[in-house]
């Protein structure tokens, strides 16, 4: 997958495709909020999962990517 964004170069170089664009294009069956409600966890639990303190997670520019990662992982586990 080629990426037209110059600032995504590191992702393409390290992974062979653009992880940023791929996660933006992915449509999930549920939202992150729905996943939290279904599995009964909150933002503090998400921060712990990624070994971050709560405020670092909440203020992170990567917060959306963390959420997409959990959604992707959840869908993978449910489909296997």
PDB file of N, CA and C in Angstrom:
ATOM      1  N   UNK A   1       0.842  -1.183   0.000  1.00  0.00           N
ATOM      2  CA  UNK A   1       0.000   0.000   0.000  1.00  0.00           C
ATOM      3  C   UNK A   1       0.879   1.235   0.000  1.00  0.00           C
ATOM      4  N   UNK A   2       0.675   2.080  -0.961  1.00  0.00           N
ATOM      5  CA  UNK A   2       1.444   3.317  -1.015  1.00  0.00           C
ATOM      6  C   UNK A   2       0.713   4.399  -0.240  1.00  0.00           C
ATOM      7  N   UNK A   3       1.478   5.306   0.274  1.00  0.00           N
ATOM      8  CA  UNK A   3       0.917   6.406   1.052  1.00  0.00           C
ATOM      9  C   UNK A   3       1.362   7.720   0.427  1.00  0.00           C
ATOM     10  N   UNK A   4       0.456   8.640   0.321  1.00  0.00           N
ATOM     11  CA  UNK A   4       0.767   9.940  -0.268  1.00  0.00           C
ATOM     12  C   UNK A   4       1.233  10.963   0.752  1.00  0.00           C
ATOM     13  N   UNK A   5       1.226  10.583   2.019  1.00  0.00           N
ATOM     14  CA  UNK A   5       1.596  11.526   3.064  1.00  0.00           C
ATOM     15  C   UNK A   5       3.066  11.372   3.411  1.00  0.00           C
ATOM     16  N   UNK A   6       3.791  12.456   3.294  1.00  0.00           N
ATOM     17  CA  UNK A   6       5.225  12.427   3.523  1.00  0.00           C
ATOM     18  C   UNK A   6       5.562  12.064   4.968  1.00  0.00           C
ATOM     19  N   UNK A   7       4.756  12.527   5.938  1.00  0.00           N
ATOM     20  CA  UNK A   7       5.061  12.281   7.340  1.00  0.00           C
ATOM     21  C   UNK A   7       4.773  10.838   7.761  1.00  0.00           C
ATOM     22  N   UNK A   8       4.214  10.014   6.889  1.00  0.00           N
ATOM     23  CA  UNK A   8       3.969   8.614   7.192  1.00  0.00           C
ATOM     24  C   UNK A   8       5.113   7.727   6.705  1.00  0.00           C
ATOM     25  N   UNK A   9       6.184   8.339   6.239  1.00  0.00           N
ATOM     26  CA  UNK A   9       7.298   7.592   5.666  1.00  0.00           C
ATOM     27  C   UNK A   9       7.865   6.566   6.641  1.00  0.00           C
ATOM     28  N   UNK A  10       8.021   6.931   7.914  1.00  0.00           N
ATOM     29  CA  UNK A  10       8.608   6.014   8.894  1.00  0.00           C
ATOM     30  C   UNK A  10       7.797   4.727   9.010  1.00  0.00           C
ATOM     31  N   UNK A  11       6.493   4.843   8.978  1.00  0.00           N
ATOM     32  CA  UNK A  11       5.635   3.663   9.066  1.00  0.00           C
ATOM     33  C   UNK A  11       5.839   2.758   7.856  1.00  0.00           C
ATOM     34  N   UNK A  12       5.926   3.350   6.677  1.00  0.00           N
ATOM     35  CA  UNK A  12       6.123   2.569   5.453  1.00  0.00           C
ATOM     36  C   UNK A  12       7.502   1.912   5.478  1.00  0.00           C
ATOM     37  N   UNK A  13       8.507   2.666   5.909  1.00  0.00           N
ATOM     38  CA  UNK A  13       9.866   2.148   5.945  1.00  0.00           C
ATOM     39  C   UNK A  13       9.992   0.976   6.915  1.00  0.00           C
ATOM     40  N   UNK A  14       9.378   1.095   8.080  1.00  0.00           N
ATOM     41  CA  UNK A  14       9.519   0.074   9.116  1.00  0.00           C
ATOM     42  C   UNK A  14       8.628  -1.146   8.893  1.00  0.00           C
ATOM     43  N   UNK A  15       7.495  -0.979   8.216  1.00  0.00           N
ATOM     44  CA  UNK A  15       6.523  -2.061   8.118  1.00  0.00           C
ATOM     45  C   UNK A  15       6.223  -2.509   6.685  1.00  0.00           C
ATOM     46  N   UNK A  16       6.664  -1.757   5.695  1.00  0.00           N
ATOM     47  CA  UNK A  16       6.401  -2.116   4.314  1.00  0.00           C
ATOM     48  C   UNK A  16       5.072  -1.593   3.799  1.00  0.00           C
ATOM     49  N   UNK A  17       4.271  -1.032   4.667  1.00  0.00           N
ATOM     50  CA  UNK A  17       3.008  -0.400   4.281  1.00  0.00           C
ATOM     51  C   UNK A  17       2.677   0.642   5.331  1.00  0.00           C
ATOM     52  N   UNK A  18       1.747   1.479   5.027  1.00  0.00           N
ATOM     53  CA  UNK A  18       1.440   2.596   5.924  1.00  0.00           C
ATOM     54  C   UNK A  18       0.400   2.168   6.958  1.00  0.00           C
ATOM     55  N   UNK A  19       0.838   1.994   8.195  1.00  0.00           N
ATOM     56  CA  UNK A  19      -0.064   1.613   9.281  1.00  0.00           C
ATOM     57  C   UNK A  19      -1.055   2.728   9.600  1.00  0.00           C
ATOM     58  N   UNK A  20      -0.635   3.959   9.438  1.00  0.00           N
ATOM     59  CA  UNK A  20      -1.495   5.092   9.759  1.00  0.00           C
ATOM     60  C   UNK A  20      -2.699   5.129   8.835  1.00  0.00           C
ATOM     61  N   UNK A  21      -2.452   5.070   7.543  1.00  0.00           N
ATOM     62  CA  UNK A  21      -3.552   5.115   6.578  1.00  0.00           C
ATOM     63  C   UNK A  21      -4.426   3.871   6.659  1.00  0.00           C
ATOM     64  N   UNK A  22      -3.796   2.718   6.889  1.00  0.00           N
ATOM     65  CA  UNK A  22      -4.570   1.491   6.973  1.00  0.00           C
ATOM     66  C   UNK A  22      -5.557   1.561   8.139  1.00  0.00           C
ATOM     67  N   UNK A  23      -5.128   2.086   9.278  1.00  0.00           N
ATOM     68  CA  UNK A  23      -6.033   2.158  10.421  1.00  0.00           C
ATOM     69  C   UNK A  23      -7.121   3.207  10.194  1.00  0.00           C
ATOM     70  N   UNK A  24      -6.814   4.257   9.413  1.00  0.00           N
ATOM     71  CA  UNK A  24      -7.829   5.270   9.127  1.00  0.00           C
ATOM     72  C   UNK A  24      -8.887   4.742   8.167  1.00  0.00           C
ATOM     73  N   UNK A  25      -8.505   3.841   7.268  1.00  0.00           N
ATOM     74  CA  UNK A  25      -9.434   3.318   6.274  1.00  0.00           C
ATOM     75  C   UNK A  25     -10.291   2.180   6.809  1.00  0.00           C
ATOM     76  N   UNK A  26      -9.852   1.536   7.873  1.00  0.00           N
ATOM     77  CA  UNK A  26     -10.532   0.359   8.395  1.00  0.00           C
ATOM     78  C   UNK A  26     -11.879   0.738   9.002  1.00  0.00           C
ATOM     79  N   UNK A  27     -12.915   0.004   8.604  1.00  0.00           N
ATOM     80  CA  UNK A  27     -14.231   0.186   9.211  1.00  0.00           C
ATOM     81  C   UNK A  27     -14.479  -0.988  10.136  1.00  0.00           C
ATOM     82  N   UNK A  28     -14.739  -0.685  11.385  1.00  0.00           N
ATOM     83  CA  UNK A  28     -14.956  -1.718  12.381  1.00  0.00           C
ATOM     84  C   UNK A  28     -16.444  -1.974  12.552  1.00  0.00           C
ATOM     85  N   UNK A  29     -16.763  -3.154  13.050  1.00  0.00           N
ATOM     86  CA  UNK A  29     -18.153  -3.523  13.255  1.00  0.00           C
ATOM     87  C   UNK A  29     -18.779  -2.793  14.433  1.00  0.00           C
ATOM     88  N   UNK A  30     -17.941  -2.297  15.331  1.00  0.00           N
ATOM     89  CA  UNK A  30     -18.428  -1.543  16.481  1.00  0.00           C
ATOM     90  C   UNK A  30     -17.470  -0.400  16.768  1.00  0.00           C
ATOM     91  N   UNK A  31     -17.925   0.546  17.545  1.00  0.00           N
ATOM     92  CA  UNK A  31     -17.065   1.657  17.943  1.00  0.00           C
ATOM     93  C   UNK A  31     -16.291   1.249  19.192  1.00  0.00           C
ATOM     94  N   UNK A  32     -15.275   2.028  19.506  1.00  0.00           N
ATOM     95  CA  UNK A  32     -14.497   1.755  20.703  1.00  0.00           C
ATOM     96  C   UNK A  32     -15.371   1.899  21.945  1.00  0.00           C
ATOM     97  N   UNK A  33     -16.245   2.874  21.944  1.00  0.00           N
ATOM     98  CA  UNK A  33     -17.160   3.087  23.078  1.00  0.00           C
ATOM     99  C   UNK A  33     -18.063   1.866  23.274  1.00  0.00           C
ATOM    100  N   UNK A  34     -18.565   1.311  22.187  1.00  0.00           N
ATOM    101  CA  UNK A  34     -19.401   0.107  22.272  1.00  0.00           C
ATOM    102  C   UNK A  34     -18.606  -1.077  22.819  1.00  0.00           C
ATOM    103  N   UNK A  35     -17.346  -1.195  22.398  1.00  0.00           N
ATOM    104  CA  UNK A  35     -16.490  -2.256  22.907  1.00  0.00           C
ATOM    105  C   UNK A  35     -16.279  -2.097  24.407  1.00  0.00           C
ATOM    106  N   UNK A  36     -16.047  -0.874  24.848  1.00  0.00           N
ATOM    107  CA  UNK A  36     -15.864  -0.622  26.280  1.00  0.00           C
ATOM    108  C   UNK A  36     -17.109  -1.022  27.067  1.00  0.00           C
ATOM    109  N   UNK A  37     -18.263  -0.671  26.561  1.00  0.00           N
ATOM    110  CA  UNK A  37     -19.503  -1.004  27.257  1.00  0.00           C
ATOM    111  C   UNK A  37     -19.742  -2.511  27.255  1.00  0.00           C
ATOM    112  N   UNK A  38     -19.491  -3.165  26.146  1.00  0.00           N
ATOM    113  CA  UNK A  38     -19.727  -4.599  26.027  1.00  0.00           C
ATOM    114  C   UNK A  38     -18.799  -5.398  26.938  1.00  0.00           C
ATOM    115  N   UNK A  39     -17.538  -5.029  26.974  1.00  0.00           N
ATOM    116  CA  UNK A  39     -16.540  -5.783  27.741  1.00  0.00           C
ATOM    117  C   UNK A  39     -16.251  -5.173  29.110  1.00  0.00           C
ATOM    118  N   UNK A  40     -16.971  -4.111  29.444  1.00  0.00           N
ATOM    119  CA  UNK A  40     -16.898  -3.493  30.769  1.00  0.00           C
ATOM    120  C   UNK A  40     -15.474  -3.072  31.168  1.00  0.00           C
ATOM    121  N   UNK A  41     -14.876  -2.208  30.367  1.00  0.00           N
ATOM    122  CA  UNK A  41     -13.600  -1.602  30.732  1.00  0.00           C
ATOM    123  C   UNK A  41     -13.640  -0.121  30.380  1.00  0.00           C
ATOM    124  N   UNK A  42     -12.752   0.638  30.983  1.00  0.00           N
ATOM    125  CA  UNK A  42     -12.739   2.081  30.759  1.00  0.00           C
ATOM    126  C   UNK A  42     -11.363   2.536  30.274  1.00  0.00           C
ATOM    127  N   UNK A  43     -11.186   3.844  30.173  1.00  0.00           N
ATOM    128  CA  UNK A  43      -9.924   4.393  29.670  1.00  0.00           C
ATOM    129  C   UNK A  43      -8.746   4.072  30.580  1.00  0.00           C
ATOM    130  N   UNK A  44      -8.994   3.958  31.868  1.00  0.00           N
ATOM    131  CA  UNK A  44      -7.905   3.592  32.793  1.00  0.00           C
ATOM    132  C   UNK A  44      -7.392   2.182  32.494  1.00  0.00           C
ATOM    133  N   UNK A  45      -8.305   1.281  32.206  1.00  0.00           N
ATOM    134  CA  UNK A  45      -7.907  -0.085  31.856  1.00  0.00           C
ATOM    135  C   UNK A  45      -7.135  -0.110  30.533  1.00  0.00           C
ATOM    136  N   UNK A  46      -7.569   0.698  29.587  1.00  0.00           N
ATOM    137  CA  UNK A  46      -6.869   0.780  28.307  1.00  0.00           C
ATOM    138  C   UNK A  46      -5.449   1.301  28.508  1.00  0.00           C
ATOM    139  N   UNK A  47      -5.303   2.328  29.338  1.00  0.00           N
ATOM    140  CA  UNK A  47      -3.972   2.874  29.630  1.00  0.00           C
ATOM    141  C   UNK A  47      -3.076   1.811  30.256  1.00  0.00           C
ATOM    142  N   UNK A  48      -3.614   1.044  31.200  1.00  0.00           N
ATOM    143  CA  UNK A  48      -2.831  -0.024  31.838  1.00  0.00           C
ATOM    144  C   UNK A  48      -2.411  -1.076  30.820  1.00  0.00           C
ATOM    145  N   UNK A  49      -3.304  -1.403  29.891  1.00  0.00           N
ATOM    146  CA  UNK A  49      -3.001  -2.406  28.877  1.00  0.00           C
ATOM    147  C   UNK A  49      -1.773  -2.012  28.065  1.00  0.00           C
ATOM    148  N   UNK A  50      -1.642  -0.727  27.756  1.00  0.00           N
ATOM    149  CA  UNK A  50      -0.510  -0.242  26.968  1.00  0.00           C
ATOM    150  C   UNK A  50       0.633   0.264  27.849  1.00  0.00           C
ATOM    151  N   UNK A  51       0.558  -0.040  29.150  1.00  0.00           N
ATOM    152  CA  UNK A  51       1.611   0.324  30.098  1.00  0.00           C
ATOM    153  C   UNK A  51       1.843   1.836  30.156  1.00  0.00           C
ATOM    154  N   UNK A  52       0.750   2.588  30.164  1.00  0.00           N
ATOM    155  CA  UNK A  52       0.801   4.041  30.269  1.00  0.00           C
ATOM    156  C   UNK A  52       0.060   4.477  31.519  1.00  0.00           C
ATOM    157  N   UNK A  53       0.428   5.632  32.053  1.00  0.00           N
ATOM    158  CA  UNK A  53      -0.423   6.150  33.116  1.00  0.00           C
ATOM    159  C   UNK A  53      -1.637   6.825  32.464  1.00  0.00           C
ATOM    160  N   UNK A  54      -2.672   7.021  33.236  1.00  0.00           N
ATOM    161  CA  UNK A  54      -3.949   7.474  32.711  1.00  0.00           C
ATOM    162  C   UNK A  54      -3.835   8.803  31.957  1.00  0.00           C
ATOM    163  N   UNK A  55      -3.167   9.780  32.537  1.00  0.00           N
ATOM    164  CA  UNK A  55      -3.078  11.100  31.897  1.00  0.00           C
ATOM    165  C   UNK A  55      -2.245  11.065  30.616  1.00  0.00           C
ATOM    166  N   UNK A  56      -1.227  10.232  30.584  1.00  0.00           N
ATOM    167  CA  UNK A  56      -0.436  10.098  29.355  1.00  0.00           C
ATOM    168  C   UNK A  56      -1.292   9.542  28.228  1.00  0.00           C
ATOM    169  N   UNK A  57      -2.113   8.552  28.557  1.00  0.00           N
ATOM    170  CA  UNK A  57      -3.011   7.972  27.559  1.00  0.00           C
ATOM    171  C   UNK A  57      -4.039   8.997  27.092  1.00  0.00           C
ATOM    172  N   UNK A  58      -4.669   9.691  28.018  1.00  0.00           N
ATOM    173  CA  UNK A  58      -5.726  10.635  27.665  1.00  0.00           C
ATOM    174  C   UNK A  58      -5.207  11.799  26.823  1.00  0.00           C
ATOM    175  N   UNK A  59      -3.965  12.208  27.039  1.00  0.00           N
ATOM    176  CA  UNK A  59      -3.394  13.336  26.304  1.00  0.00           C
ATOM    177  C   UNK A  59      -2.564  12.911  25.096  1.00  0.00           C
ATOM    178  N   UNK A  60      -2.485  11.622  24.858  1.00  0.00           N
ATOM    179  CA  UNK A  60      -1.637  11.101  23.785  1.00  0.00           C
ATOM    180  C   UNK A  60      -2.211  11.425  22.407  1.00  0.00           C
ATOM    181  N   UNK A  61      -1.337  11.787  21.502  1.00  0.00           N
ATOM    182  CA  UNK A  61      -1.760  11.974  20.113  1.00  0.00           C
ATOM    183  C   UNK A  61      -2.008  10.628  19.446  1.00  0.00           C
ATOM    184  N   UNK A  62      -1.556   9.553  20.081  1.00  0.00           N
ATOM    185  CA  UNK A  62      -1.739   8.201  19.545  1.00  0.00           C
ATOM    186  C   UNK A  62      -2.966   7.500  20.124  1.00  0.00           C
ATOM    187  N   UNK A  63      -3.779   8.213  20.875  1.00  0.00           N
ATOM    188  CA  UNK A  63      -4.941   7.598  21.532  1.00  0.00           C
ATOM    189  C   UNK A  63      -5.838   6.861  20.538  1.00  0.00           C
ATOM    190  N   UNK A  64      -6.111   7.451  19.409  1.00  0.00           N
ATOM    191  CA  UNK A  64      -6.960   6.826  18.386  1.00  0.00           C
ATOM    192  C   UNK A  64      -6.311   5.542  17.873  1.00  0.00           C
ATOM    193  N   UNK A  65      -4.999   5.532  17.717  1.00  0.00           N
ATOM    194  CA  UNK A  65      -4.302   4.328  17.261  1.00  0.00           C
ATOM    195  C   UNK A  65      -4.354   3.234  18.319  1.00  0.00           C
ATOM    196  N   UNK A  66      -4.255   3.596  19.595  1.00  0.00           N
ATOM    197  CA  UNK A  66      -4.402   2.611  20.668  1.00  0.00           C
ATOM    198  C   UNK A  66      -5.795   1.989  20.611  1.00  0.00           C
ATOM    199  N   UNK A  67      -6.803   2.819  20.437  1.00  0.00           N
ATOM    200  CA  UNK A  67      -8.178   2.327  20.375  1.00  0.00           C
ATOM    201  C   UNK A  67      -8.386   1.441  19.151  1.00  0.00           C
ATOM    202  N   UNK A  68      -7.864   1.852  18.013  1.00  0.00           N
ATOM    203  CA  UNK A  68      -7.968   1.037  16.796  1.00  0.00           C
ATOM    204  C   UNK A  68      -7.270  -0.300  16.972  1.00  0.00           C
ATOM    205  N   UNK A  69      -6.148  -0.304  17.668  1.00  0.00           N
ATOM    206  CA  UNK A  69      -5.422  -1.538  17.912  1.00  0.00           C
ATOM    207  C   UNK A  69      -6.260  -2.501  18.735  1.00  0.00           C
ATOM    208  N   UNK A  70      -6.899  -2.003  19.781  1.00  0.00           N
ATOM    209  CA  UNK A  70      -7.744  -2.874  20.596  1.00  0.00           C
ATOM    210  C   UNK A  70      -8.953  -3.378  19.818  1.00  0.00           C
ATOM    211  N   UNK A  71      -9.548  -2.514  19.004  1.00  0.00           N
ATOM    212  CA  UNK A  71     -10.675  -2.953  18.175  1.00  0.00           C
ATOM    213  C   UNK A  71     -10.244  -4.034  17.193  1.00  0.00           C
ATOM    214  N   UNK A  72      -9.109  -3.834  16.567  1.00  0.00           N
ATOM    215  CA  UNK A  72      -8.590  -4.804  15.595  1.00  0.00           C
ATOM    216  C   UNK A  72      -8.289  -6.139  16.284  1.00  0.00           C
ATOM    217  N   UNK A  73      -7.672  -6.065  17.460  1.00  0.00           N
ATOM    218  CA  UNK A  73      -7.353  -7.267  18.218  1.00  0.00           C
ATOM    219  C   UNK A  73      -8.634  -7.995  18.642  1.00  0.00           C
ATOM    220  N   UNK A  74      -9.607  -7.254  19.129  1.00  0.00           N
ATOM    221  CA  UNK A  74     -10.878  -7.844  19.559  1.00  0.00           C
ATOM    222  C   UNK A  74     -11.571  -8.555  18.393  1.00  0.00           C
ATOM    223  N   UNK A  75     -11.628  -7.916  17.245  1.00  0.00           N
ATOM    224  CA  UNK A  75     -12.259  -8.537  16.080  1.00  0.00           C
ATOM    225  C   UNK A  75     -11.499  -9.771  15.614  1.00  0.00           C
ATOM    226  N   UNK A  76     -10.177  -9.723  15.716  1.00  0.00           N
ATOM    227  CA  UNK A  76      -9.372 -10.874  15.334  1.00  0.00           C
ATOM    228  C   UNK A  76      -9.671 -12.060  16.258  1.00  0.00           C
ATOM    229  N   UNK A  77      -9.694 -11.807  17.549  1.00  0.00           N
ATOM    230  CA  UNK A  77      -9.953 -12.866  18.525  1.00  0.00           C
ATOM    231  C   UNK A  77     -11.354 -13.434  18.348  1.00  0.00           C
ATOM    232  N   UNK A  78     -12.336 -12.582  18.129  1.00  0.00           N
ATOM    233  CA  UNK A  78     -13.714 -13.035  17.962  1.00  0.00           C
ATOM    234  C   UNK A  78     -13.902 -13.842  16.680  1.00  0.00           C
ATOM    235  N   UNK A  79     -13.106 -13.577  15.659  1.00  0.00           N
ATOM    236  CA  UNK A  79     -13.253 -14.266  14.374  1.00  0.00           C
ATOM    237  C   UNK A  79     -12.416 -15.535  14.265  1.00  0.00           C
ATOM    238  N   UNK A  80     -11.619 -15.840  15.287  1.00  0.00           N
ATOM    239  CA  UNK A  80     -10.803 -17.064  15.228  1.00  0.00           C
ATOM    240  C   UNK A  80     -11.354 -18.132  16.126  1.00  0.00           C
TER     241      UNK A  80
END
